[in-house]
């Protein structure tokens, strides 16, 4: 608390030695550092969110509301997005196990889908396209 400027200068020196001392000129001509102590806050929020830490936990740790964290701090990785998609259950079986394909269950689901499509009030061409896809 007594030497805040000294701590900041020491930290900036560490960033320089790590090769993170770059500057960028902003639109109004003001030079700003690309990285600073606040960068660690952004990184922590993103790493934690991508590791599955709930946003409510992050709000408690970082002292911000969920909207601010999601908008400015948390950057969701492509790996996390793919994991979320992969977590969806398979339509190939009734037991929703992605690794097991239950042909009988699939046949039942397709038959139900065909019946529903036939009852839909959509154009003949769209209906025929859907039926063709399901009957393959």
N, C-alpha and C. Protein backbone atom coordinates (compact mmCIF):
# COMPACT_ATOMS: atom_id res chain seq x y z
N UNK A 1 0.81 -1.22 0.00
CA UNK A 1 0.00 0.00 0.00
C UNK A 1 0.85 1.27 0.00
N UNK A 2 2.11 1.17 0.47
CA UNK A 2 2.93 2.38 0.57
C UNK A 2 3.73 2.68 -0.68
N UNK A 3 3.90 1.68 -1.56
CA UNK A 3 4.73 1.90 -2.73
C UNK A 3 4.03 1.35 -3.98
N UNK A 4 2.83 1.81 -4.19
CA UNK A 4 2.04 1.33 -5.32
C UNK A 4 2.76 1.56 -6.65
N UNK A 5 3.34 2.72 -6.84
CA UNK A 5 4.06 3.03 -8.08
C UNK A 5 5.24 2.09 -8.28
N UNK A 6 5.94 1.77 -7.21
CA UNK A 6 7.07 0.85 -7.30
C UNK A 6 6.63 -0.55 -7.74
N UNK A 7 5.51 -1.01 -7.22
CA UNK A 7 4.98 -2.33 -7.60
C UNK A 7 4.61 -2.32 -9.08
N UNK A 8 3.96 -1.25 -9.51
CA UNK A 8 3.56 -1.15 -10.92
C UNK A 8 4.79 -1.14 -11.82
N UNK A 9 5.80 -0.36 -11.45
CA UNK A 9 7.02 -0.29 -12.26
C UNK A 9 7.74 -1.64 -12.29
N UNK A 10 7.78 -2.34 -11.17
CA UNK A 10 8.39 -3.67 -11.13
C UNK A 10 7.63 -4.63 -12.05
N UNK A 11 6.32 -4.56 -12.00
CA UNK A 11 5.50 -5.43 -12.83
C UNK A 11 5.73 -5.12 -14.32
N UNK A 12 5.78 -3.84 -14.67
CA UNK A 12 6.01 -3.46 -16.06
C UNK A 12 7.39 -3.93 -16.52
N UNK A 13 8.36 -3.92 -15.64
CA UNK A 13 9.69 -4.41 -15.96
C UNK A 13 9.65 -5.91 -16.27
N UNK A 14 8.86 -6.65 -15.50
CA UNK A 14 8.71 -8.09 -15.74
C UNK A 14 8.06 -8.33 -17.11
N UNK A 15 7.04 -7.54 -17.43
CA UNK A 15 6.40 -7.66 -18.74
C UNK A 15 7.40 -7.40 -19.87
N UNK A 16 8.22 -6.37 -19.70
CA UNK A 16 9.24 -6.04 -20.72
C UNK A 16 10.18 -7.23 -20.92
N UNK A 17 10.66 -7.81 -19.83
CA UNK A 17 11.60 -8.93 -19.92
C UNK A 17 10.95 -10.16 -20.53
N UNK A 18 9.64 -10.30 -20.39
CA UNK A 18 8.90 -11.44 -20.96
C UNK A 18 8.51 -11.18 -22.42
N UNK A 19 8.87 -10.01 -22.94
CA UNK A 19 8.53 -9.68 -24.32
C UNK A 19 7.10 -9.19 -24.50
N UNK A 20 6.49 -8.74 -23.42
CA UNK A 20 5.10 -8.28 -23.47
C UNK A 20 4.98 -6.78 -23.21
N UNK A 21 5.99 -6.03 -23.60
CA UNK A 21 5.98 -4.60 -23.34
C UNK A 21 5.55 -3.75 -24.53
N UNK A 22 4.87 -4.36 -25.49
CA UNK A 22 4.50 -3.66 -26.72
C UNK A 22 3.43 -2.59 -26.47
N UNK A 23 3.46 -1.57 -27.32
CA UNK A 23 2.47 -0.49 -27.27
C UNK A 23 1.66 -0.49 -28.55
N UNK A 24 0.49 0.12 -28.49
CA UNK A 24 -0.34 0.31 -29.67
C UNK A 24 -0.88 1.73 -29.63
N UNK A 25 -0.88 2.41 -30.78
CA UNK A 25 -1.43 3.76 -30.84
C UNK A 25 -2.92 3.67 -31.10
N UNK A 26 -3.69 4.27 -30.22
CA UNK A 26 -5.15 4.26 -30.31
C UNK A 26 -5.63 5.29 -31.31
N UNK A 27 -6.91 5.21 -31.71
CA UNK A 27 -7.45 6.12 -32.74
C UNK A 27 -7.21 7.60 -32.47
N UNK A 28 -7.26 8.01 -31.22
CA UNK A 28 -7.07 9.44 -30.93
C UNK A 28 -5.60 9.79 -30.69
N UNK A 29 -4.70 8.90 -31.14
CA UNK A 29 -3.28 9.18 -31.05
C UNK A 29 -2.64 8.83 -29.71
N UNK A 30 -3.37 8.25 -28.81
CA UNK A 30 -2.85 7.92 -27.48
C UNK A 30 -2.17 6.54 -27.51
N UNK A 31 -0.95 6.48 -27.01
CA UNK A 31 -0.22 5.21 -26.94
C UNK A 31 -0.65 4.45 -25.70
N UNK A 32 -0.99 3.16 -25.89
CA UNK A 32 -1.41 2.32 -24.76
C UNK A 32 -0.63 1.00 -24.81
N UNK A 33 -0.37 0.47 -23.64
CA UNK A 33 0.26 -0.84 -23.55
C UNK A 33 -0.73 -1.91 -23.99
N UNK A 34 -0.22 -2.91 -24.71
CA UNK A 34 -1.07 -4.02 -25.11
C UNK A 34 -1.35 -4.94 -23.92
N UNK A 35 -0.38 -5.06 -23.02
CA UNK A 35 -0.52 -5.95 -21.86
C UNK A 35 -0.22 -5.19 -20.58
N UNK A 36 -0.95 -5.56 -19.55
CA UNK A 36 -0.75 -4.97 -18.25
C UNK A 36 -1.25 -5.93 -17.20
N UNK A 37 -1.28 -5.50 -15.97
CA UNK A 37 -1.74 -6.38 -14.90
C UNK A 37 -3.17 -6.85 -15.14
N UNK A 38 -3.97 -5.98 -15.74
CA UNK A 38 -5.37 -6.31 -16.01
C UNK A 38 -5.50 -7.47 -17.01
N UNK A 39 -4.47 -7.71 -17.82
CA UNK A 39 -4.48 -8.82 -18.77
C UNK A 39 -4.62 -10.15 -18.05
N UNK A 40 -4.03 -10.24 -16.84
CA UNK A 40 -4.14 -11.47 -16.08
C UNK A 40 -5.58 -11.73 -15.65
N UNK A 41 -6.32 -10.69 -15.38
CA UNK A 41 -7.73 -10.84 -15.01
C UNK A 41 -8.52 -11.43 -16.18
N UNK A 42 -8.28 -10.90 -17.38
CA UNK A 42 -8.95 -11.41 -18.57
C UNK A 42 -8.56 -12.88 -18.81
N UNK A 43 -7.27 -13.16 -18.72
CA UNK A 43 -6.81 -14.53 -18.95
C UNK A 43 -7.40 -15.49 -17.94
N UNK A 44 -7.37 -15.10 -16.67
CA UNK A 44 -7.93 -15.96 -15.63
C UNK A 44 -9.40 -16.25 -15.90
N UNK A 45 -10.17 -15.24 -16.24
CA UNK A 45 -11.61 -15.42 -16.50
C UNK A 45 -11.83 -16.37 -17.67
N UNK A 46 -11.07 -16.23 -18.73
CA UNK A 46 -11.23 -17.09 -19.90
C UNK A 46 -10.80 -18.52 -19.60
N UNK A 47 -9.64 -18.69 -18.97
CA UNK A 47 -9.16 -20.04 -18.65
C UNK A 47 -10.13 -20.75 -17.71
N UNK A 48 -10.63 -20.04 -16.72
CA UNK A 48 -11.55 -20.64 -15.75
C UNK A 48 -12.86 -21.04 -16.43
N UNK A 49 -13.41 -20.16 -17.24
CA UNK A 49 -14.67 -20.45 -17.93
C UNK A 49 -14.51 -21.64 -18.88
N UNK A 50 -13.40 -21.69 -19.61
CA UNK A 50 -13.16 -22.79 -20.54
C UNK A 50 -12.87 -24.10 -19.82
N UNK A 51 -12.53 -24.02 -18.54
CA UNK A 51 -12.30 -25.23 -17.75
C UNK A 51 -13.57 -25.70 -17.06
N UNK A 52 -14.65 -24.97 -17.26
CA UNK A 52 -15.93 -25.39 -16.71
C UNK A 52 -16.34 -24.71 -15.42
N UNK A 53 -15.61 -23.68 -14.99
CA UNK A 53 -15.99 -22.95 -13.78
C UNK A 53 -17.27 -22.17 -14.08
N UNK A 54 -18.30 -22.36 -13.27
CA UNK A 54 -19.57 -21.66 -13.52
C UNK A 54 -19.40 -20.13 -13.44
N UNK A 55 -20.17 -19.43 -14.25
CA UNK A 55 -20.10 -17.97 -14.29
C UNK A 55 -20.43 -17.37 -12.94
N UNK A 56 -21.29 -18.03 -12.16
CA UNK A 56 -21.62 -17.52 -10.83
C UNK A 56 -20.40 -17.54 -9.91
N UNK A 57 -19.56 -18.55 -10.06
CA UNK A 57 -18.33 -18.62 -9.27
C UNK A 57 -17.38 -17.52 -9.70
N UNK A 58 -17.28 -17.30 -11.00
CA UNK A 58 -16.40 -16.22 -11.50
C UNK A 58 -16.87 -14.86 -11.02
N UNK A 59 -18.19 -14.65 -10.97
CA UNK A 59 -18.68 -13.35 -10.49
C UNK A 59 -18.28 -13.14 -9.04
N UNK A 60 -18.31 -14.21 -8.24
CA UNK A 60 -17.91 -14.09 -6.84
C UNK A 60 -16.40 -13.82 -6.71
N UNK A 61 -15.62 -14.48 -7.54
CA UNK A 61 -14.16 -14.31 -7.47
C UNK A 61 -13.69 -12.96 -8.00
N UNK A 62 -14.29 -12.52 -9.10
CA UNK A 62 -13.81 -11.30 -9.76
C UNK A 62 -14.59 -10.05 -9.38
N UNK A 63 -15.71 -10.22 -8.71
CA UNK A 63 -16.47 -9.07 -8.24
C UNK A 63 -17.18 -8.28 -9.32
N UNK A 64 -17.51 -8.93 -10.41
CA UNK A 64 -18.25 -8.29 -11.49
C UNK A 64 -19.55 -9.04 -11.70
N UNK A 65 -20.49 -8.44 -12.42
CA UNK A 65 -21.72 -9.16 -12.71
C UNK A 65 -21.50 -10.07 -13.92
N UNK A 66 -22.37 -11.04 -14.08
CA UNK A 66 -22.22 -12.04 -15.13
C UNK A 66 -22.20 -11.40 -16.53
N UNK A 67 -23.03 -10.40 -16.75
CA UNK A 67 -23.08 -9.74 -18.05
C UNK A 67 -21.75 -9.11 -18.43
N UNK A 68 -21.13 -8.43 -17.48
CA UNK A 68 -19.84 -7.80 -17.74
C UNK A 68 -18.77 -8.85 -18.01
N UNK A 69 -18.76 -9.90 -17.22
CA UNK A 69 -17.77 -10.96 -17.42
C UNK A 69 -17.92 -11.61 -18.79
N UNK A 70 -19.16 -11.92 -19.15
CA UNK A 70 -19.39 -12.58 -20.44
C UNK A 70 -19.07 -11.66 -21.61
N UNK A 71 -19.34 -10.37 -21.46
CA UNK A 71 -19.14 -9.44 -22.56
C UNK A 71 -17.67 -9.05 -22.75
N UNK A 72 -16.96 -8.79 -21.65
CA UNK A 72 -15.62 -8.23 -21.76
C UNK A 72 -14.49 -9.18 -21.37
N UNK A 73 -14.74 -10.13 -20.51
CA UNK A 73 -13.65 -10.92 -19.95
C UNK A 73 -13.53 -12.32 -20.51
N UNK A 74 -14.64 -13.04 -20.54
CA UNK A 74 -14.59 -14.45 -20.91
C UNK A 74 -14.59 -14.61 -22.42
N UNK A 75 -13.55 -15.25 -22.93
CA UNK A 75 -13.45 -15.59 -24.35
C UNK A 75 -13.51 -17.11 -24.44
N UNK A 76 -14.59 -17.63 -24.98
CA UNK A 76 -14.79 -19.07 -25.04
C UNK A 76 -13.97 -19.64 -26.19
N UNK A 77 -13.21 -20.68 -25.90
CA UNK A 77 -12.35 -21.29 -26.91
C UNK A 77 -13.15 -22.18 -27.85
N UNK A 78 -12.58 -22.42 -29.03
CA UNK A 78 -13.22 -23.33 -29.99
C UNK A 78 -13.32 -24.73 -29.40
N UNK A 79 -12.32 -25.12 -28.62
CA UNK A 79 -12.33 -26.45 -27.99
C UNK A 79 -13.54 -26.58 -27.05
N UNK A 80 -13.84 -25.53 -26.29
CA UNK A 80 -15.00 -25.56 -25.39
C UNK A 80 -16.30 -25.60 -26.17
N UNK A 81 -16.35 -24.88 -27.28
CA UNK A 81 -17.55 -24.89 -28.11
C UNK A 81 -17.80 -26.29 -28.69
N UNK A 82 -16.72 -26.93 -29.18
CA UNK A 82 -16.86 -28.28 -29.72
C UNK A 82 -17.25 -29.28 -28.64
N UNK A 83 -16.71 -29.12 -27.43
CA UNK A 83 -17.07 -30.01 -26.33
C UNK A 83 -18.55 -29.89 -25.99
N UNK A 84 -19.07 -28.67 -26.04
CA UNK A 84 -20.49 -28.46 -25.76
C UNK A 84 -21.35 -29.15 -26.82
N UNK A 85 -20.94 -29.05 -28.08
CA UNK A 85 -21.69 -29.70 -29.15
C UNK A 85 -21.61 -31.22 -29.01
N UNK A 86 -20.41 -31.73 -28.69
CA UNK A 86 -20.23 -33.18 -28.53
C UNK A 86 -20.99 -33.74 -27.34
N UNK A 87 -21.35 -32.89 -26.37
CA UNK A 87 -22.05 -33.38 -25.19
C UNK A 87 -23.53 -33.64 -25.46
N UNK A 88 -24.03 -33.19 -26.62
CA UNK A 88 -25.43 -33.43 -26.94
C UNK A 88 -25.67 -34.92 -27.14
N UNK A 89 -26.82 -35.41 -26.70
CA UNK A 89 -27.09 -36.85 -26.87
C UNK A 89 -27.30 -37.21 -28.33
N UNK A 90 -27.02 -38.44 -28.64
CA UNK A 90 -27.17 -38.93 -30.00
C UNK A 90 -28.64 -39.19 -30.32
N UNK A 91 -29.04 -38.93 -31.54
CA UNK A 91 -30.41 -39.28 -31.94
C UNK A 91 -30.44 -40.72 -32.44
N UNK A 92 -29.29 -41.39 -32.41
CA UNK A 92 -29.20 -42.74 -32.94
C UNK A 92 -29.72 -43.80 -31.99
N UNK A 93 -30.00 -43.47 -30.75
CA UNK A 93 -30.47 -44.49 -29.83
C UNK A 93 -31.42 -43.89 -28.81
N UNK A 94 -32.25 -44.74 -28.24
CA UNK A 94 -33.20 -44.27 -27.24
C UNK A 94 -32.53 -44.02 -25.90
N UNK A 95 -31.38 -44.68 -25.66
CA UNK A 95 -30.71 -44.50 -24.37
C UNK A 95 -29.77 -43.30 -24.37
N UNK A 96 -29.72 -42.56 -25.49
CA UNK A 96 -28.93 -41.33 -25.63
C UNK A 96 -27.44 -41.52 -25.38
N UNK A 97 -26.94 -42.70 -25.64
CA UNK A 97 -25.50 -42.95 -25.54
C UNK A 97 -24.89 -42.72 -26.91
N UNK A 98 -24.01 -41.73 -27.07
CA UNK A 98 -23.47 -41.40 -28.39
C UNK A 98 -22.69 -42.54 -29.04
N UNK A 99 -22.17 -43.48 -28.24
CA UNK A 99 -21.31 -44.51 -28.81
C UNK A 99 -22.10 -45.75 -29.27
N UNK A 100 -23.38 -45.82 -28.93
CA UNK A 100 -24.18 -47.00 -29.28
C UNK A 100 -25.23 -46.60 -30.31
N UNK A 101 -25.27 -47.31 -31.43
CA UNK A 101 -26.30 -47.06 -32.43
C UNK A 101 -27.32 -48.19 -32.34
N UNK A 102 -28.51 -47.85 -31.93
CA UNK A 102 -29.61 -48.81 -31.81
C UNK A 102 -30.45 -48.68 -33.06
N UNK A 103 -30.27 -49.63 -33.99
CA UNK A 103 -30.94 -49.54 -35.29
C UNK A 103 -32.45 -49.56 -35.15
N UNK A 104 -32.96 -50.36 -34.23
CA UNK A 104 -34.42 -50.43 -34.05
C UNK A 104 -34.95 -49.08 -33.56
N UNK A 105 -34.25 -48.48 -32.59
CA UNK A 105 -34.67 -47.18 -32.07
C UNK A 105 -34.61 -46.12 -33.15
N UNK A 106 -33.55 -46.19 -33.97
CA UNK A 106 -33.41 -45.23 -35.07
C UNK A 106 -34.58 -45.38 -36.05
N UNK A 107 -34.94 -46.62 -36.37
CA UNK A 107 -36.06 -46.87 -37.29
C UNK A 107 -37.36 -46.30 -36.74
N UNK A 108 -37.57 -46.46 -35.44
CA UNK A 108 -38.79 -45.94 -34.82
C UNK A 108 -38.81 -44.42 -34.89
N UNK A 109 -37.69 -43.80 -34.59
CA UNK A 109 -37.62 -42.33 -34.63
C UNK A 109 -37.85 -41.81 -36.04
N UNK A 110 -37.23 -42.46 -37.03
CA UNK A 110 -37.39 -42.02 -38.41
C UNK A 110 -38.85 -42.19 -38.85
N UNK A 111 -39.46 -43.32 -38.48
CA UNK A 111 -40.87 -43.54 -38.84
C UNK A 111 -41.77 -42.47 -38.24
N UNK A 112 -41.52 -42.12 -36.98
CA UNK A 112 -42.30 -41.05 -36.33
C UNK A 112 -42.09 -39.73 -37.03
N UNK A 113 -40.86 -39.44 -37.41
CA UNK A 113 -40.56 -38.19 -38.11
C UNK A 113 -41.27 -38.14 -39.45
N UNK A 114 -41.30 -39.27 -40.17
CA UNK A 114 -41.98 -39.32 -41.47
C UNK A 114 -43.48 -39.04 -41.30
N UNK A 115 -44.08 -39.65 -40.28
CA UNK A 115 -45.51 -39.40 -40.03
C UNK A 115 -45.78 -37.93 -39.74
N UNK A 116 -44.92 -37.33 -38.92
CA UNK A 116 -45.10 -35.91 -38.60
C UNK A 116 -44.96 -35.03 -39.83
N UNK A 117 -43.97 -35.34 -40.66
CA UNK A 117 -43.73 -34.54 -41.87
C UNK A 117 -44.94 -34.63 -42.80
N UNK A 118 -45.50 -35.84 -42.92
CA UNK A 118 -46.65 -36.01 -43.81
C UNK A 118 -47.85 -35.18 -43.36
N UNK A 119 -47.95 -34.92 -42.05
CA UNK A 119 -49.06 -34.13 -41.52
C UNK A 119 -48.79 -32.62 -41.55
N UNK A 120 -47.55 -32.23 -41.78
CA UNK A 120 -47.21 -30.81 -41.78
C UNK A 120 -47.87 -30.07 -42.93
N UNK A 121 -48.18 -28.82 -42.67
CA UNK A 121 -48.78 -27.98 -43.72
C UNK A 121 -47.66 -27.13 -44.33
N UNK A 122 -46.82 -27.80 -45.12
CA UNK A 122 -45.74 -27.11 -45.82
C UNK A 122 -45.84 -27.47 -47.30
N UNK A 123 -45.07 -26.79 -48.10
CA UNK A 123 -45.10 -27.03 -49.53
C UNK A 123 -44.70 -28.46 -49.89
N UNK A 124 -45.22 -28.94 -51.01
CA UNK A 124 -44.96 -30.31 -51.45
C UNK A 124 -43.46 -30.55 -51.67
N UNK A 125 -42.79 -29.56 -52.22
CA UNK A 125 -41.37 -29.72 -52.54
C UNK A 125 -40.55 -29.87 -51.24
N UNK A 126 -40.82 -29.02 -50.24
CA UNK A 126 -40.10 -29.11 -48.97
C UNK A 126 -40.41 -30.42 -48.27
N UNK A 127 -41.67 -30.82 -48.29
CA UNK A 127 -42.08 -32.07 -47.66
C UNK A 127 -41.36 -33.25 -48.33
N UNK A 128 -41.30 -33.24 -49.66
CA UNK A 128 -40.65 -34.33 -50.39
C UNK A 128 -39.15 -34.38 -50.09
N UNK A 129 -38.51 -33.21 -49.96
CA UNK A 129 -37.08 -33.17 -49.63
C UNK A 129 -36.83 -33.79 -48.26
N UNK A 130 -37.65 -33.44 -47.28
CA UNK A 130 -37.50 -34.00 -45.94
C UNK A 130 -37.71 -35.52 -45.94
N UNK A 131 -38.72 -35.96 -46.62
CA UNK A 131 -39.00 -37.39 -46.69
C UNK A 131 -37.87 -38.14 -47.38
N UNK A 132 -37.32 -37.56 -48.42
CA UNK A 132 -36.21 -38.20 -49.14
C UNK A 132 -35.00 -38.36 -48.23
N UNK A 133 -34.70 -37.34 -47.46
CA UNK A 133 -33.57 -37.41 -46.53
C UNK A 133 -33.78 -38.52 -45.51
N UNK A 134 -34.95 -38.62 -44.94
CA UNK A 134 -35.22 -39.60 -43.90
C UNK A 134 -35.32 -41.02 -44.43
N UNK A 135 -35.74 -41.19 -45.64
CA UNK A 135 -35.93 -42.54 -46.16
C UNK A 135 -34.66 -43.16 -46.69
N UNK A 136 -33.57 -42.44 -46.75
CA UNK A 136 -32.29 -42.99 -47.25
C UNK A 136 -31.77 -44.02 -46.32
